[in-house]
């Protein structure tokens, strides 16, 4: 039986390129697309993703952790958008374990017409292998050169947070990072360099990698205090909430002694005390855009007036929401002269 690798071998390209040429031709150069199409015709191969989408009945959604309000919000948005298109949604949770991602992808091959894969931890080459055949796959909160995706501007979110803290007088900001395999964490780390944003005199200190959970923030809090930083940017709001809790237990006042900034703007961010300053991610738009782009690669993903960006990766803007957890930097203690 002829498969995609046979076509790729005959055309002299990778399996990922062959898959894009047949299912997403707008992402491949005309010459390379022609080579793949000739090879597919010669071998009598038809890519399953190239079938017409008019007969679609269901979508698959795979998320790392449904207990995380970030993914819960995206899941609700996906389901609402799919419902308006008359599609059912099958949801799978991988417990934030990259080794479990292959199983639901394989299980969904025969059950759904397309898959939305949210924040996968699997590295790029393995991800290509997992998605080279079967339903079309679209990534959310993860960019890949091989698959279409919808993401947010992580680096600009970091820029906004650092600029806010810098304006408040902070010159030493810590970063409580997420998992090592997290694409968004890598993107945010790449935006930590103060010189990139022209923030004179600012030093940033990564505290390490932590689980993207409340407990992960609790674990980062003691390292934050030991670092001497006057402010911290957390990988996500759950970690920021854990930081707030541990700092409160230690008797460290927020924001008088340490300012705390989160990322995502989940509902709980505005309900805690002090209310959390955070980078607001358009979670509803992420979910809606994922469904739209899966059904129509040329769909506009923004609200009216927003530009539609490159076909391979659509980037949505983020915006800082300032609340009570960030304030002016504490003044250094000076020795008494009396």
Protein backbone atom coordinates (compact mmCIF):
# COMPACT_ATOMS: atom_id res chain seq x y z
CA UNK A 1 0.00 0.00 0.00
CA UNK A 2 1.35 3.40 -1.01
CA UNK A 3 1.86 5.85 1.87
CA UNK A 4 3.01 9.44 2.30
CA UNK A 5 6.65 8.49 2.78
CA UNK A 6 6.64 6.79 -0.63
CA UNK A 7 5.40 10.01 -2.20
CA UNK A 8 7.99 12.07 -0.32
CA UNK A 9 10.79 9.75 -1.37
CA UNK A 10 9.83 9.93 -5.04
CA UNK A 11 9.46 13.72 -4.92
CA UNK A 12 12.75 14.17 -3.05
CA UNK A 13 11.19 15.99 -0.07
CA UNK A 14 10.42 15.29 3.58
CA UNK A 15 7.17 13.64 4.64
CA UNK A 16 6.13 16.90 6.31
CA UNK A 17 6.65 18.86 3.10
CA UNK A 18 4.74 16.26 1.10
CA UNK A 19 1.87 16.45 3.58
CA UNK A 20 1.74 20.26 3.37
CA UNK A 21 1.93 20.23 -0.43
CA UNK A 22 -1.13 17.98 -0.68
CA UNK A 23 -3.25 19.23 2.21
CA UNK A 24 -2.11 22.86 2.58
CA UNK A 25 -0.71 23.80 -0.85
CA UNK A 26 -0.59 27.52 -0.02
CA UNK A 27 2.25 26.76 2.42
CA UNK A 28 4.57 25.21 -0.21
CA UNK A 29 6.39 26.77 -3.16
CA UNK A 30 4.76 26.10 -6.58
CA UNK A 31 7.77 24.11 -7.87
CA UNK A 32 7.94 21.83 -4.84
CA UNK A 33 4.17 21.42 -4.79
CA UNK A 34 4.27 20.34 -8.44
CA UNK A 35 6.95 17.73 -7.66
CA UNK A 36 4.83 16.27 -4.86
CA UNK A 37 1.64 16.28 -6.92
CA UNK A 38 3.39 14.48 -9.80
CA UNK A 39 4.74 11.86 -7.38
CA UNK A 40 1.31 11.38 -5.78
CA UNK A 41 -0.34 10.99 -9.19
CA UNK A 42 2.29 8.51 -10.36
CA UNK A 43 1.82 6.39 -7.24
CA UNK A 44 -1.96 6.76 -7.06
CA UNK A 45 -1.83 8.35 -3.61
CA UNK A 46 -4.43 10.74 -2.17
CA UNK A 47 -3.71 12.52 1.10
CA UNK A 48 -6.61 12.13 3.58
CA UNK A 49 -6.32 15.77 4.66
CA UNK A 50 -7.03 16.94 1.11
CA UNK A 51 -10.62 15.69 1.21
CA UNK A 52 -13.31 18.34 1.03
CA UNK A 53 -14.20 19.86 4.39
CA UNK A 54 -17.86 20.28 3.55
CA UNK A 55 -18.60 16.83 4.96
CA UNK A 56 -16.89 17.46 8.30
CA UNK A 57 -18.92 16.28 11.28
CA UNK A 58 -16.56 16.42 14.26
CA UNK A 59 -13.35 17.89 15.67
CA UNK A 60 -10.88 16.60 18.20
CA UNK A 61 -9.38 18.84 20.89
CA UNK A 62 -6.34 17.69 22.84
CA UNK A 63 -5.21 19.78 25.83
CA UNK A 64 -2.52 19.27 28.49
CA UNK A 65 -4.70 19.94 31.54
CA UNK A 66 -8.43 20.69 31.68
CA UNK A 67 -8.08 21.79 35.32
CA UNK A 68 -5.95 24.71 34.13
CA UNK A 69 -8.36 27.61 33.48
CA UNK A 70 -6.28 28.65 30.46
CA UNK A 71 -7.13 25.43 28.62
CA UNK A 72 -10.65 25.26 30.01
CA UNK A 73 -11.40 28.68 28.52
CA UNK A 74 -9.98 27.67 25.14
CA UNK A 75 -11.98 24.43 25.21
CA UNK A 76 -15.22 26.30 25.86
CA UNK A 77 -14.49 28.69 22.99
CA UNK A 78 -13.70 25.79 20.64
CA UNK A 79 -16.94 24.04 21.58
CA UNK A 80 -19.04 27.18 21.12
CA UNK A 81 -17.53 27.88 17.69
CA UNK A 82 -17.81 24.27 16.58
CA UNK A 83 -21.45 24.15 17.69
CA UNK A 84 -22.31 27.05 15.39
CA UNK A 85 -20.73 25.09 12.53
CA UNK A 86 -22.77 21.99 13.39
CA UNK A 87 -19.73 20.04 14.60
CA UNK A 88 -19.28 17.82 17.64
CA UNK A 89 -16.07 18.09 19.68
CA UNK A 90 -14.21 15.16 21.24
CA UNK A 91 -11.90 16.34 24.06
CA UNK A 92 -8.84 14.56 25.47
CA UNK A 93 -6.60 15.58 28.40
CA UNK A 94 -2.95 14.42 28.45
CA UNK A 95 -2.25 15.31 32.10
CA UNK A 96 0.55 17.61 30.89
CA UNK A 97 2.60 14.55 29.92
CA UNK A 98 4.27 14.62 26.49
CA UNK A 99 4.51 10.83 26.46
CA UNK A 100 0.70 10.62 26.49
CA UNK A 101 0.12 12.91 23.49
CA UNK A 102 0.56 10.24 20.82
CA UNK A 103 -2.26 8.08 22.18
CA UNK A 104 -5.21 10.47 21.75
CA UNK A 105 -3.89 11.64 18.37
CA UNK A 106 -3.88 8.03 17.15
CA UNK A 107 -7.26 7.29 18.72
CA UNK A 108 -8.85 10.30 17.05
CA UNK A 109 -7.61 9.43 13.56
CA UNK A 110 -10.73 7.40 12.78
CA UNK A 111 -13.16 9.40 14.90
CA UNK A 112 -12.81 13.06 13.84
CA UNK A 113 -12.28 15.12 10.70
CA UNK A 114 -9.72 17.50 12.21
CA UNK A 115 -7.70 17.90 15.40
CA UNK A 116 -6.86 21.01 17.43
CA UNK A 117 -3.72 20.28 19.43
CA UNK A 118 -3.26 22.73 22.28
CA UNK A 119 0.21 23.47 23.72
CA UNK A 120 1.76 20.10 22.80
CA UNK A 121 5.02 19.26 24.62
CA UNK A 122 6.22 16.78 21.97
CA UNK A 123 9.28 18.04 20.09
CA UNK A 124 8.83 19.14 16.49
CA UNK A 125 10.12 16.12 14.58
CA UNK A 126 8.04 13.68 16.62
CA UNK A 127 5.04 15.95 16.21
CA UNK A 128 5.42 15.76 12.43
CA UNK A 129 5.55 11.97 12.60
CA UNK A 130 2.42 11.84 14.73
CA UNK A 131 0.42 14.12 12.43
CA UNK A 132 1.77 13.24 8.98
CA UNK A 133 -1.26 11.10 8.21
CA UNK A 134 -4.86 11.12 9.35
CA UNK A 135 -7.01 14.21 10.06
CA UNK A 136 -5.67 17.70 9.51
CA UNK A 137 -4.08 19.15 12.64
CA UNK A 138 -3.90 22.76 13.80
CA UNK A 139 -1.80 23.90 16.75
CA UNK A 140 -2.83 26.37 19.45
CA UNK A 141 -0.21 28.08 21.63
CA UNK A 142 2.62 26.39 19.76
CA UNK A 143 4.35 27.39 16.55
CA UNK A 144 5.81 24.81 14.17
CA UNK A 145 7.36 25.18 10.73
CA UNK A 146 5.47 22.07 9.65
CA UNK A 147 1.92 22.77 10.86
CA UNK A 148 -0.44 25.72 10.84
CA UNK A 149 -1.01 27.38 14.17
CA UNK A 150 -2.62 30.22 16.08
CA UNK A 151 -0.53 31.75 18.86
CA UNK A 152 -0.24 34.96 20.87
CA UNK A 153 2.60 37.45 20.85
CA UNK A 154 4.45 36.08 23.87
CA UNK A 155 7.51 38.29 23.52
CA UNK A 156 5.44 41.45 23.36
CA UNK A 157 3.60 40.36 26.48
CA UNK A 158 6.92 40.08 28.29
CA UNK A 159 7.94 43.47 26.90
CA UNK A 160 4.76 45.08 28.24
CA UNK A 161 5.23 43.52 31.68
CA UNK A 162 8.89 44.54 31.94
CA UNK A 163 8.19 48.07 30.69
CA UNK A 164 5.45 48.42 33.32
CA UNK A 165 7.73 47.27 36.14
CA UNK A 166 10.61 49.40 34.87
CA UNK A 167 8.34 52.47 34.91
CA UNK A 168 7.53 51.68 38.54
CA UNK A 169 11.23 51.85 39.39
CA UNK A 170 12.02 48.14 39.44
CA UNK A 171 15.54 47.33 38.28
CA UNK A 172 15.75 43.66 39.23
CA UNK A 173 12.93 41.44 37.95
CA UNK A 174 12.80 37.67 38.40
CA UNK A 175 11.08 35.23 36.03
CA UNK A 176 9.36 32.11 37.39
CA UNK A 177 9.39 29.89 34.33
CA UNK A 178 7.17 27.08 33.14
CA UNK A 179 8.02 23.55 31.99
CA UNK A 180 11.19 22.96 29.96
CA UNK A 181 9.17 21.51 27.08
CA UNK A 182 6.79 24.48 26.91
CA UNK A 183 7.04 26.43 23.65
CA UNK A 184 5.40 29.49 25.20
CA UNK A 185 7.90 29.46 28.07
CA UNK A 186 10.78 29.44 25.60
CA UNK A 187 9.20 32.35 23.75
CA UNK A 188 8.77 34.34 26.95
CA UNK A 189 12.34 33.66 28.04
CA UNK A 190 13.56 34.98 24.69
CA UNK A 191 11.85 38.27 25.52
CA UNK A 192 13.53 38.68 28.91
CA UNK A 193 16.63 40.48 27.64
CA UNK A 194 16.16 44.10 28.80
CA UNK A 195 18.37 45.48 26.01
CA UNK A 196 15.88 44.15 23.45
CA UNK A 197 13.29 46.53 24.84
CA UNK A 198 15.58 49.46 25.61
CA UNK A 199 15.01 49.26 29.37
CA UNK A 200 18.18 50.78 30.77
CA UNK A 201 19.45 49.48 34.08
CA UNK A 202 17.08 46.51 34.26
CA UNK A 203 18.35 43.06 35.27
CA UNK A 204 16.25 39.93 34.79
CA UNK A 205 16.88 36.68 36.69
CA UNK A 206 15.27 33.36 35.66
CA UNK A 207 14.44 31.39 38.81
CA UNK A 208 14.15 28.04 37.02
CA UNK A 209 11.52 25.78 35.47
CA UNK A 210 8.42 24.93 37.48
CA UNK A 211 5.11 23.10 36.92
CA UNK A 212 2.56 25.57 35.50
CA UNK A 213 0.41 25.17 38.60
CA UNK A 214 -0.37 26.86 41.92
CA UNK A 215 2.17 24.54 43.58
CA UNK A 216 4.79 25.56 41.02
CA UNK A 217 4.37 29.18 42.08
CA UNK A 218 4.65 28.25 45.75
CA UNK A 219 7.93 26.46 44.97
CA UNK A 220 9.29 29.51 43.13
CA UNK A 221 8.46 32.01 45.90
CA UNK A 222 11.33 31.20 48.25
CA UNK A 223 13.82 31.42 45.36
CA UNK A 224 12.30 34.78 44.47
CA UNK A 225 12.90 36.17 47.95
CA UNK A 226 16.45 34.78 47.99
CA UNK A 227 17.21 36.40 44.61
CA UNK A 228 16.71 39.90 45.96
CA UNK A 229 14.46 40.86 43.03
CA UNK A 230 11.84 43.50 43.74
CA UNK A 231 9.37 42.07 41.20
CA UNK A 232 8.55 38.78 39.50
CA UNK A 233 6.89 37.81 36.24
CA UNK A 234 5.31 34.36 36.42
CA UNK A 235 4.89 31.97 33.49
CA UNK A 236 1.13 31.95 34.08
CA UNK A 237 -1.52 33.15 36.49
CA UNK A 238 -1.74 29.87 38.40
CA UNK A 239 1.91 30.20 39.32
CA UNK A 240 1.43 33.88 40.18
CA UNK A 241 -1.40 32.92 42.55
CA UNK A 242 0.90 30.39 44.20
CA UNK A 243 3.57 33.07 44.55
CA UNK A 244 1.07 35.41 46.21
CA UNK A 245 0.02 32.71 48.66
CA UNK A 246 3.57 31.77 49.68
CA UNK A 247 4.69 35.39 49.97
CA UNK A 248 1.69 36.08 52.22
CA UNK A 249 2.64 33.10 54.40
CA UNK A 250 6.19 34.44 54.69
CA UNK A 251 4.97 37.88 55.69
CA UNK A 252 6.27 39.48 52.49
CA UNK A 253 3.93 42.30 51.49
CA UNK A 254 2.71 42.54 47.88
CA UNK A 255 3.26 44.97 46.23
CA UNK A 256 5.04 46.98 48.96
CA UNK A 257 8.03 44.61 49.11
CA UNK A 258 7.63 42.55 45.93
CA UNK A 259 5.46 43.15 42.87
CA UNK A 260 3.90 40.12 41.18
CA UNK A 261 2.80 39.94 37.53
CA UNK A 262 1.08 36.94 35.95
CA UNK A 263 0.34 35.84 32.40
CA UNK A 264 -3.04 34.83 30.84
CA UNK A 265 -5.64 36.82 32.85
CA UNK A 266 -7.73 33.85 33.95
CA UNK A 267 -10.93 34.73 35.88
CA UNK A 268 -9.36 34.20 39.31
CA UNK A 269 -6.76 36.91 38.59
CA UNK A 270 -9.25 39.65 39.38
CA UNK A 271 -10.76 37.99 42.44
CA UNK A 272 -7.71 37.51 44.69
CA UNK A 273 -6.30 40.10 47.06
CA UNK A 274 -4.31 41.91 45.92
CA UNK A 275 -5.85 41.59 42.46
CA UNK A 276 -3.28 40.29 40.00
CA UNK A 277 -1.58 42.43 37.39
CA UNK A 278 -1.26 40.16 34.37
CA UNK A 279 -0.74 39.93 30.63
CA UNK A 280 -4.21 39.30 29.21
CA UNK A 281 -4.33 36.56 26.56
CA UNK A 282 -7.44 36.55 24.31
CA UNK A 283 -8.43 33.00 25.24
CA UNK A 284 -11.86 33.12 23.61
CA UNK A 285 -10.38 34.40 20.35
CA UNK A 286 -7.70 31.69 20.42
CA UNK A 287 -10.36 28.98 20.57
CA UNK A 288 -12.59 30.56 17.95
CA UNK A 289 -9.69 31.20 15.60
CA UNK A 290 -8.52 27.58 15.90
CA UNK A 291 -11.86 26.26 14.65
CA UNK A 292 -12.08 28.87 11.88
CA UNK A 293 -8.56 28.15 10.62
CA UNK A 294 -9.01 24.41 10.74
CA UNK A 295 -12.14 24.64 8.61
CA UNK A 296 -10.80 27.38 6.34
CA UNK A 297 -7.03 28.03 6.05
CA UNK A 298 -7.73 31.49 4.62
CA UNK A 299 -10.08 32.57 7.42
CA UNK A 300 -9.49 35.92 9.11
CA UNK A 301 -8.66 35.29 12.75
CA UNK A 302 -9.02 38.75 14.28
CA UNK A 303 -11.87 41.06 15.06
CA UNK A 304 -12.82 43.67 12.48
CA UNK A 305 -9.81 45.78 11.59
CA UNK A 306 -7.18 43.24 12.72
CA UNK A 307 -4.77 42.11 10.01
CA UNK A 308 -4.65 38.48 8.94
CA UNK A 309 -1.03 37.42 9.25
CA UNK A 310 1.02 34.71 7.56
CA UNK A 311 -0.96 31.66 6.53
CA UNK A 312 1.27 29.27 8.46
CA UNK A 313 1.05 31.03 11.82
CA UNK A 314 -1.54 33.54 12.97
CA UNK A 315 -0.48 35.75 15.87
CA UNK A 316 -2.98 37.41 18.19
CA UNK A 317 -2.01 40.45 20.32
CA UNK A 318 -1.90 40.54 24.12
CA UNK A 319 -2.38 43.46 26.51
CA UNK A 320 -1.22 44.15 30.05
CA UNK A 321 -3.97 44.49 32.66
CA UNK A 322 -2.70 46.50 35.62
CA UNK A 323 -4.15 45.69 39.05
CA UNK A 324 -3.04 45.94 42.66
CA UNK A 325 -0.27 43.31 42.78
CA UNK A 326 2.25 45.62 41.10
CA UNK A 327 3.46 48.88 42.62
CA UNK A 328 6.49 51.15 42.97
CA UNK A 329 9.76 49.43 43.78
CA UNK A 330 10.74 49.42 47.44
CA UNK A 331 13.36 51.98 48.33
CA UNK A 332 16.76 50.59 49.33
CA UNK A 333 17.50 50.67 53.05
CA UNK A 334 20.17 53.26 53.89
CA UNK A 335 22.40 53.24 56.94
CA UNK A 336 21.54 55.71 59.70
CA UNK A 337 23.95 58.63 60.13
CA UNK A 338 22.59 59.63 63.54
